[in-house]
Protein backbone atom coordinates (compact mmCIF):
# COMPACT_ATOMS: atom_id res chain seq x y z
CA UNK A 1 12.61 -1.22 1.92
CA UNK A 2 16.25 -1.00 1.72
CA UNK A 3 16.19 -0.85 -2.05
CA UNK A 4 14.09 2.02 -1.64
CA UNK A 5 15.86 3.99 0.71
CA UNK A 6 19.25 3.49 -1.24
CA UNK A 7 20.89 6.72 -1.06
CA UNK A 8 20.22 7.82 2.17
CA UNK A 9 21.97 6.50 5.38
CA UNK A 10 22.35 7.34 8.65
CA UNK A 11 20.01 9.85 10.80
CA UNK A 12 19.05 10.86 7.25
CA UNK A 13 17.57 7.48 6.72
CA UNK A 14 16.08 7.04 9.98
CA UNK A 15 13.99 10.11 9.78
CA UNK A 16 12.65 8.75 6.31
CA UNK A 17 11.85 6.06 8.08
CA UNK A 18 9.96 7.46 10.97
CA UNK A 19 7.96 9.95 8.66
CA UNK A 20 6.68 7.48 5.74
CA UNK A 21 5.90 5.26 8.84
CA UNK A 22 3.39 8.16 10.05
CA UNK A 23 2.36 9.00 6.01
CA UNK A 24 0.95 5.08 5.96
CA UNK A 25 -0.93 6.24 9.39
CA UNK A 26 -2.26 9.61 8.04
CA UNK A 27 -3.46 7.40 5.08
CA UNK A 28 -5.27 5.35 6.86
CA UNK A 29 -7.04 8.35 8.39
CA UNK A 30 -7.28 10.30 5.42
CA UNK A 31 -9.12 7.52 3.26
CA UNK A 32 -11.42 6.49 6.10
CA UNK A 33 -12.41 9.43 7.73
CA UNK A 34 -11.76 12.56 5.53
CA UNK A 35 -12.36 10.81 2.16
CA UNK A 36 -15.99 10.15 3.17
CA UNK A 37 -16.78 13.51 4.31
CA UNK A 38 -18.57 14.38 0.84
CA UNK A 39 -20.78 10.92 1.91
CA UNK A 40 -21.45 11.55 5.32
CA UNK A 41 -22.78 15.40 4.72
CA UNK A 42 -24.81 13.72 1.90
CA UNK A 43 -26.70 11.58 4.45
CA UNK A 44 -26.73 14.64 6.83
CA UNK A 45 -27.95 17.36 4.21
CA UNK A 46 -30.66 18.21 1.75
CA UNK A 47 -28.72 20.43 -1.38
CA UNK A 48 -25.09 20.13 -3.05
CA UNK A 49 -24.45 22.94 -1.37
CA UNK A 50 -24.44 21.84 1.96
CA UNK A 51 -22.45 19.29 1.18
CA UNK A 52 -20.10 21.07 -0.05
CA UNK A 53 -19.74 22.89 2.96
CA UNK A 54 -18.45 19.82 4.21
CA UNK A 55 -15.99 19.64 1.70
CA UNK A 56 -14.80 23.45 1.12
CA UNK A 57 -15.27 25.38 4.85
CA UNK A 58 -12.23 23.70 6.35
CA UNK A 59 -10.03 24.14 3.08
CA UNK A 60 -10.88 27.45 2.97
CA UNK A 61 -9.80 28.00 6.41
CA UNK A 62 -6.59 26.17 6.17
CA UNK A 63 -6.16 28.52 3.36
CA UNK A 64 -6.45 31.76 5.15
CA UNK A 65 -3.99 30.21 7.98
CA UNK A 66 -1.23 29.05 5.60
CA UNK A 67 -1.62 32.66 3.54
CA UNK A 68 -0.71 34.35 6.91
CA UNK A 69 2.07 31.96 7.62
CA UNK A 70 3.62 33.10 4.38
CA UNK A 71 2.30 36.65 4.63
CA UNK A 72 5.52 38.18 6.21
CA UNK A 73 9.65 37.88 6.57
CA UNK A 74 9.66 37.77 10.27
CA UNK A 75 6.64 35.25 10.19
CA UNK A 76 8.31 32.73 7.26
CA UNK A 77 11.72 33.19 9.52
CA UNK A 78 9.80 32.14 13.03
CA UNK A 79 8.16 28.83 11.17
CA UNK A 80 12.04 28.29 9.67
CA UNK A 81 13.27 28.37 13.28
CA UNK A 82 10.67 26.68 15.16
CA UNK A 83 9.16 24.13 12.66
CA UNK A 84 9.83 21.12 14.50
CA UNK A 85 7.86 22.62 17.91
CA UNK A 86 5.09 23.56 14.93
CA UNK A 87 5.01 19.74 13.93
CA UNK A 88 4.40 18.81 17.56
CA UNK A 89 1.84 20.89 18.58
CA UNK A 90 0.30 20.10 15.10
CA UNK A 91 -0.12 16.76 16.06
CA UNK A 92 -1.01 17.17 20.03
CA UNK A 93 -4.13 18.97 18.45
CA UNK A 94 -5.67 17.74 15.37
CA UNK A 95 -5.27 13.50 16.24
CA UNK A 96 -7.44 13.96 19.81
CA UNK A 97 -9.71 16.31 17.82
CA UNK A 98 -10.37 13.64 15.01
CA UNK A 99 -10.92 11.43 17.34
CA UNK A 100 -13.51 13.42 18.98
CA UNK A 101 -15.21 13.93 15.90
CA UNK A 102 -15.55 10.20 15.50
CA UNK A 103 -17.36 9.95 18.76
CA UNK A 104 -19.55 12.54 18.48
CA UNK A 105 -20.74 10.74 15.29
CA UNK A 106 -20.78 7.77 17.26
CA UNK A 107 -22.90 8.74 20.07
CA UNK A 108 -25.20 10.72 17.70
CA UNK A 109 -25.74 13.97 20.10
CA UNK A 110 -27.11 15.86 17.60
CA UNK A 111 -29.72 15.42 14.72
CA UNK A 112 -28.70 14.79 11.50
CA UNK A 113 -29.05 19.16 10.23
CA UNK A 114 -27.22 19.70 13.72
CA UNK A 115 -24.87 17.01 13.25
CA UNK A 116 -23.94 18.59 9.66
CA UNK A 117 -22.64 22.01 11.39
CA UNK A 118 -21.31 20.88 14.39
CA UNK A 119 -18.68 18.35 12.54
CA UNK A 120 -17.60 20.88 10.50
CA UNK A 121 -16.89 23.21 12.83
CA UNK A 122 -14.40 20.38 14.01
CA UNK A 123 -12.97 19.30 10.94
CA UNK A 124 -12.66 23.08 9.99
CA UNK A 125 -10.47 23.74 13.70
CA UNK A 126 -8.61 20.70 13.31
CA UNK A 127 -7.24 21.51 9.71
CA UNK A 128 -6.63 25.35 10.44
CA UNK A 129 -4.54 23.90 13.11
CA UNK A 130 -3.03 21.28 10.81
CA UNK A 131 -2.07 23.65 8.11
CA UNK A 132 0.47 25.27 10.17
CA UNK A 133 1.62 21.62 10.32
CA UNK A 134 2.10 21.01 6.78
CA UNK A 135 3.79 24.27 5.99
CA UNK A 136 6.56 23.48 8.52
CA UNK A 137 6.23 19.88 7.30
CA UNK A 138 7.68 20.00 3.62
CA UNK A 139 10.34 23.10 4.87
CA UNK A 140 11.89 19.80 7.34
CA UNK A 141 11.97 17.78 4.90
CA UNK A 142 13.85 19.65 2.38
CA UNK A 143 16.56 20.94 5.10
CA UNK A 144 16.74 17.39 6.42
CA UNK A 145 16.93 15.18 3.52
CA UNK A 146 19.60 15.09 0.61
CA UNK A 147 18.66 17.02 -2.18
CA UNK A 148 19.48 14.18 -4.45
CA UNK A 149 17.15 11.90 -2.59
CA UNK A 150 14.12 14.42 -2.48
CA UNK A 151 12.09 13.65 -5.39
CA UNK A 152 12.41 9.96 -4.69
CA UNK A 153 10.91 11.20 -1.27
CA UNK A 154 7.83 12.57 -2.57
CA UNK A 155 7.24 9.71 -4.60
CA UNK A 156 7.89 7.58 -1.40
CA UNK A 157 5.66 9.91 1.06
CA UNK A 158 2.77 9.72 -1.81
CA UNK A 159 3.18 5.96 -2.33
CA UNK A 160 3.09 5.23 1.77
CA UNK A 161 0.28 7.57 2.21
CA UNK A 162 -1.84 6.04 -0.68
CA UNK A 163 -1.39 2.43 0.69
CA UNK A 164 -2.53 3.30 4.13
CA UNK A 165 -5.53 5.57 2.17
CA UNK A 166 -6.50 2.26 0.32
CA UNK A 167 -6.45 0.32 3.78
CA UNK A 168 -8.76 2.85 4.90
CA UNK A 169 -11.13 3.30 2.07
CA UNK A 170 -11.05 -0.59 1.86
CA UNK A 171 -12.04 -0.62 5.79
CA UNK A 172 -14.50 1.99 5.32
CA UNK A 173 -16.88 0.75 2.48
CA UNK A 174 -16.69 -2.56 4.13
CA UNK A 175 -17.99 -1.05 7.62
CA UNK A 176 -20.43 1.00 5.57
CA UNK A 177 -21.70 -1.66 3.28
CA UNK A 178 -24.47 -3.07 5.27
CA UNK A 179 -25.53 -0.06 7.07
CA UNK A 180 -24.99 4.19 6.65
CA UNK A 181 -26.63 5.67 9.98
CA UNK A 182 -24.50 7.90 11.90
CA UNK A 183 -23.31 5.84 13.98
CA UNK A 184 -21.59 3.40 11.10
CA UNK A 185 -20.03 6.73 10.35
CA UNK A 186 -19.20 7.21 14.04
CA UNK A 187 -17.45 3.95 14.11
CA UNK A 188 -15.43 4.55 10.87
CA UNK A 189 -13.98 7.63 12.09
CA UNK A 190 -12.91 6.28 15.36
CA UNK A 191 -11.28 3.34 13.78
CA UNK A 192 -9.61 5.39 11.62
CA UNK A 193 -8.59 8.33 14.26
CA UNK A 194 -7.58 6.10 16.47
CA UNK A 195 -4.45 4.59 14.03
CA UNK A 196 -3.49 7.79 13.32
CA UNK A 197 -3.50 8.36 16.71
CA UNK A 198 -0.42 5.87 17.20
CA UNK A 199 1.63 8.27 15.52
CA UNK A 200 1.47 10.91 18.01
CA UNK A 201 4.93 10.81 19.39
CA UNK A 202 6.83 10.45 15.30
CA UNK A 203 7.14 14.15 15.60
CA UNK A 204 9.02 14.46 18.46
CA UNK A 205 11.61 11.59 17.41
CA UNK A 206 12.73 14.08 14.49
CA UNK A 207 15.59 15.89 14.54
CA UNK A 208 17.57 18.66 12.94
CA UNK A 209 20.21 17.28 10.71
CA UNK A 210 22.57 20.04 9.31
CA UNK A 211 22.17 17.97 5.78
CA UNK A 212 21.14 21.64 3.81
CA UNK A 213 23.37 24.02 5.81
CA UNK A 214 26.00 21.43 4.51
CA UNK A 215 25.18 21.01 1.13
CA UNK A 216 24.29 24.99 0.56
CA UNK A 217 28.42 25.41 1.77
CA UNK A 218 29.71 22.72 -0.45
CA UNK A 219 27.63 24.45 -3.57
CA UNK A 220 28.48 27.72 -2.92
CA UNK A 221 24.93 28.84 -2.28
CA UNK A 222 23.90 28.26 -5.92
CA UNK A 223 20.25 29.25 -6.19
CA UNK A 224 18.00 26.54 -7.39
CA UNK A 225 15.40 28.54 -9.02
CA UNK A 226 15.19 31.87 -10.48
CA UNK A 227 13.51 35.12 -10.22
CA UNK A 228 10.18 34.07 -12.09
CA UNK A 229 7.00 35.87 -12.16
CA UNK A 230 5.29 34.01 -9.17
CA UNK A 231 1.86 35.49 -10.39
CA UNK A 232 2.07 33.88 -13.74
CA UNK A 233 3.00 30.85 -12.20
CA UNK A 234 0.34 30.29 -9.16
CA UNK A 235 -2.37 31.61 -11.35
CA UNK A 236 -1.35 28.75 -14.05
CA UNK A 237 -1.47 26.31 -11.01
CA UNK A 238 -4.51 27.72 -9.29
CA UNK A 239 -6.56 27.15 -12.96
CA UNK A 240 -5.11 23.56 -13.15
CA UNK A 241 -5.96 23.28 -9.72
CA UNK A 242 -9.41 24.54 -10.37
CA UNK A 243 -10.27 22.63 -13.25
CA UNK A 244 -9.43 18.97 -11.39
CA UNK A 245 -11.42 19.94 -8.30
CA UNK A 246 -14.28 21.19 -10.31
CA UNK A 247 -17.09 18.28 -10.18
CA UNK A 248 -15.39 16.69 -6.30
CA UNK A 249 -18.16 17.92 -4.45
CA UNK A 250 -20.82 16.55 -7.43
CA UNK A 251 -19.54 13.07 -7.56
CA UNK A 252 -20.49 11.28 -4.77
CA UNK A 253 -24.37 13.24 -4.80
CA UNK A 254 -24.23 12.48 -8.62
CA UNK A 255 -23.45 8.90 -8.30
CA UNK A 256 -26.16 8.44 -5.60
CA UNK A 257 -29.00 10.45 -6.80
CA UNK A 258 -28.69 9.93 -11.01
CA UNK A 259 -27.38 6.49 -10.94
CA UNK A 260 -28.66 5.17 -7.48
CA UNK A 261 -25.28 4.10 -6.45
CA UNK A 262 -24.31 3.65 -2.32
CA UNK A 263 -21.11 4.04 -0.41
CA UNK A 264 -20.29 0.94 -1.67
CA UNK A 265 -19.83 2.99 -5.43
CA UNK A 266 -17.72 5.24 -3.17
CA UNK A 267 -15.76 2.08 -2.31
CA UNK A 268 -14.78 1.23 -5.23
CA UNK A 269 -13.93 4.27 -6.76
CA UNK A 270 -11.54 5.58 -4.01
CA UNK A 271 -9.90 2.22 -3.91
CA UNK A 272 -9.22 1.81 -7.95
CA UNK A 273 -7.56 5.97 -7.59
CA UNK A 274 -5.56 4.91 -4.36
CA UNK A 275 -4.53 1.79 -5.47
CA UNK A 276 -3.20 3.55 -9.13
CA UNK A 277 -1.87 5.92 -6.80
CA UNK A 278 0.44 3.24 -4.54
CA UNK A 279 2.08 2.18 -8.12
CA UNK A 280 3.08 5.47 -9.79
CA UNK A 281 4.39 8.18 -7.90
CA UNK A 282 7.71 6.65 -8.30
CA UNK A 283 6.84 6.94 -11.87
CA UNK A 284 6.22 10.65 -11.49
CA UNK A 285 9.70 10.95 -9.32
CA UNK A 286 11.30 8.91 -12.55
CA UNK A 287 9.72 11.88 -14.42
CA UNK A 288 10.55 14.77 -12.48
CA UNK A 289 14.30 14.06 -12.42
CA UNK A 290 14.05 13.40 -16.31
CA UNK A 291 11.74 16.39 -17.41
CA UNK A 292 11.34 18.80 -14.51
CA UNK A 293 8.77 19.30 -12.05
CA UNK A 294 6.65 21.52 -13.79
CA UNK A 295 6.88 19.86 -17.58
CA UNK A 296 5.51 16.52 -15.83
CA UNK A 297 2.61 18.38 -13.74
CA UNK A 298 1.72 19.46 -16.78
CA UNK A 299 1.24 15.76 -17.91
CA UNK A 300 -0.51 14.89 -14.70
CA UNK A 301 -3.10 17.74 -15.32
CA UNK A 302 -3.65 17.00 -18.71
CA UNK A 303 -4.49 13.07 -17.85
CA UNK A 304 -6.53 14.62 -14.70
CA UNK A 305 -9.05 17.29 -16.34
CA UNK A 306 -9.78 14.40 -19.20
CA UNK A 307 -10.85 11.61 -17.07
CA UNK A 308 -12.63 14.36 -15.15
CA UNK A 309 -14.45 15.21 -18.50
CA UNK A 310 -15.38 11.52 -19.10
CA UNK A 311 -17.10 11.00 -15.62
CA UNK A 312 -20.81 11.21 -17.32
CA UNK A 313 -20.47 9.00 -19.77
CA UNK A 314 -19.53 6.20 -17.34
CA UNK A 315 -22.43 4.97 -15.85
CA UNK A 316 -21.44 1.23 -14.25
CA UNK A 317 -18.95 0.78 -10.88
CA UNK A 318 -17.15 -1.16 -13.18
CA UNK A 319 -16.11 1.69 -15.75
CA UNK A 320 -15.94 4.21 -12.89
CA UNK A 321 -13.87 2.21 -11.19
CA UNK A 322 -11.26 2.21 -14.42
CA UNK A 323 -11.86 5.81 -14.72
CA UNK A 324 -10.59 6.63 -11.15
CA UNK A 325 -7.60 4.23 -11.60
CA UNK A 326 -6.62 6.69 -14.36
CA UNK A 327 -7.38 9.56 -12.39
CA UNK A 328 -5.55 8.16 -9.24
CA UNK A 329 -2.35 7.88 -11.60
CA UNK A 330 -2.87 11.67 -12.78
CA UNK A 331 -3.91 13.30 -9.07
CA UNK A 332 -1.06 11.58 -7.69
CA UNK A 333 1.26 12.88 -10.16
CA UNK A 334 0.06 16.28 -9.36
CA UNK A 335 0.80 16.23 -6.13
CA UNK A 336 4.40 14.65 -6.60
CA UNK A 337 5.27 16.59 -8.69
CA UNK A 338 4.15 19.99 -7.03
CA UNK A 339 5.25 19.23 -4.01
CA UNK A 340 8.81 18.14 -5.54
CA UNK A 341 8.92 21.65 -6.84
CA UNK A 342 8.70 22.95 -3.50
CA UNK A 343 11.20 20.50 -1.69
CA UNK A 344 13.88 20.23 -5.05
CA UNK A 345 13.82 23.36 -7.10
CA UNK A 346 13.46 26.51 -4.40
CA UNK A 347 16.20 27.74 -2.81
CA UNK A 348 16.01 27.57 1.04
CA UNK A 349 15.33 31.49 1.32
CA UNK A 350 12.02 31.11 -0.33
CA UNK A 351 10.74 27.77 0.70
CA UNK A 352 7.95 29.08 3.69
CA UNK A 353 7.00 31.98 0.83
CA UNK A 354 6.12 29.19 -1.51
CA UNK A 355 5.40 26.53 0.24
CA UNK A 356 2.50 28.89 2.15
CA UNK A 357 1.50 29.97 -1.40
CA UNK A 358 1.51 26.57 -2.79
CA UNK A 359 -0.73 25.12 -0.01
CA UNK A 360 -3.13 27.94 -0.11
CA UNK A 361 -3.81 27.37 -2.93
CA UNK A 362 -4.14 23.64 -2.95
CA UNK A 363 -6.71 24.36 0.17
CA UNK A 364 -8.45 27.75 -1.45
CA UNK A 365 -8.97 26.54 -4.83
CA UNK A 366 -10.23 23.33 -4.45
CA UNK A 367 -12.94 24.94 -1.71
CA UNK A 368 -13.85 27.83 -4.38
CA UNK A 369 -14.19 24.85 -7.64
CA UNK A 370 -16.04 22.43 -5.60
CA UNK A 371 -18.32 25.54 -4.33
CA UNK A 372 -18.66 27.01 -7.89
CA UNK A 373 -19.00 23.18 -9.03
CA UNK A 374 -21.99 22.57 -6.22
CA UNK A 375 -23.30 25.90 -7.04
CA UNK A 376 -23.52 25.23 -11.18
CA UNK A 377 -25.23 22.12 -10.35
CA UNK A 378 -27.86 23.42 -8.38
CA UNK A 379 -28.36 26.29 -10.62
CA UNK A 380 -28.59 24.54 -13.79
CA UNK A 381 -29.69 20.99 -13.08
CA UNK A 382 -27.49 19.73 -15.24
CA UNK A 383 -24.04 18.69 -13.28
CA UNK A 384 -22.72 17.09 -16.51
CA UNK A 385 -21.84 20.38 -17.33
CA UNK A 386 -19.62 20.84 -14.30
CA UNK A 387 -17.73 17.55 -15.25
CA UNK A 388 -17.49 18.86 -18.84
CA UNK A 389 -15.87 22.28 -17.73
CA UNK A 390 -12.93 20.93 -16.06
CA UNK A 391 -10.95 20.47 -19.62
CA UNK A 392 -10.25 24.73 -18.90
CA UNK A 393 -7.69 23.28 -16.54
CA UNK A 394 -5.40 22.41 -20.14
CA UNK A 395 -4.94 25.91 -20.65
CA UNK A 396 -2.94 26.18 -17.52
CA UNK A 397 -0.48 24.18 -19.30
CA UNK A 398 1.47 26.64 -21.85
CA UNK A 399 1.77 28.97 -18.74
CA UNK A 400 3.63 26.07 -16.90
CA UNK A 401 5.96 25.00 -19.64
CA UNK A 402 6.90 28.76 -20.33
CA UNK A 403 7.77 28.70 -16.42
CA UNK A 404 10.06 25.76 -16.26
CA UNK A 405 12.19 27.12 -19.12
CA UNK A 406 13.08 29.70 -16.50
CA UNK A 407 13.73 27.19 -13.60
CA UNK A 408 17.34 25.70 -14.23
CA UNK A 409 18.85 23.37 -11.52
CA UNK A 410 21.79 24.97 -11.70
CA UNK A 411 21.14 28.97 -12.34
CA UNK A 412 23.04 32.16 -11.16
CA UNK A 413 25.06 31.91 -7.83
CA UNK A 414 23.44 34.01 -5.54
CA UNK A 415 23.87 34.25 -1.67
CA UNK A 416 21.19 33.81 0.70
CA UNK A 417 21.35 34.49 4.43
CA UNK A 418 19.68 31.45 5.57
CA UNK A 419 19.89 31.32 9.66
CA UNK A 420 19.99 27.99 10.40
CA UNK A 421 17.33 26.43 12.78
CA UNK A 422 18.16 25.74 16.32
CA UNK A 423 18.93 22.24 17.02
CA UNK A 424 16.53 20.44 18.54
CA UNK A 425 18.09 17.50 19.19
């Protein structure tokens, strides 16, 4: 751990350690609960569209919340000023809500179809509150971690959360290997959400350090990101995210209905993907330092859509494990590079705007994409087409490469009158 945190010390070091511990706990919940929503929905629902409802609706609502968060300057300044309070509120609401979802399943309170819609509604509410916490968290991380360490933190955050996710996925696969009734899913979700509850106090231990203000004064408030065409930038990112996520709601039903696989397949694929994600985030951080955030994103996007297109040609759990390993590295790279872009390349005056838009895209576009994928699979009865359409994501790469030429680490001097947030010490 000491070598991983080389380059920071004092309060910043303590804050990074706390956030990385919470990343592990979040990962356990994500791997054991969030990642198994499609499998649960496949047991409760009858069509690809019903399965997709549980996957997509929480993302769409979260996207609307995040878009609204960046919709006005007054709203953005309010989030900046009270970002720690937003993080704490999110923790107080979402973690107990996840525990409640697990108990509803464990006690089998409803028949399957009613359970599908009830759990979907609870996931949606929890994710909507968590969406605000996510925007506040990205701004807090950027403002309280030295800029020289931010790309490395993006990699560490991904690596530690993926360590937790791998543990949660393996645990879920083990518990569901023998039986997969509603009560069994309740047991799995109960363990994951209970472990996530351990991190409830962590946001209350975080403080504002004033590091960013000190760095901006030292640098003469040099702008980090020029006025690029945001519409083109976000359109390219949207296309890439759309293509990567297009087959995601089809993967688990396809495995179960076409190849006769079960939850053990899901566990192997998820574990392989997240195992790769443990070892590659620091590689992506290194590429960000050498090539820049968006150039590195282009590499990860190219690998990711290629792995999606190959999916139908790999009909064994062993081959899918290998494919998932490579895809996991790519998907980890997409997160690390785009998160690095937000906390490293965007100036403080625009960061809430960019974060809210980027996170909204990362929620809304996958939801829309997975809905389109499920609809194509249902209408055509040819789900393989959904996987092959992922190659459309390659069209985003030229735009991202052109945009990255406009980003400079030390661009023209421009002053931003950023009001320092109140001390929460």
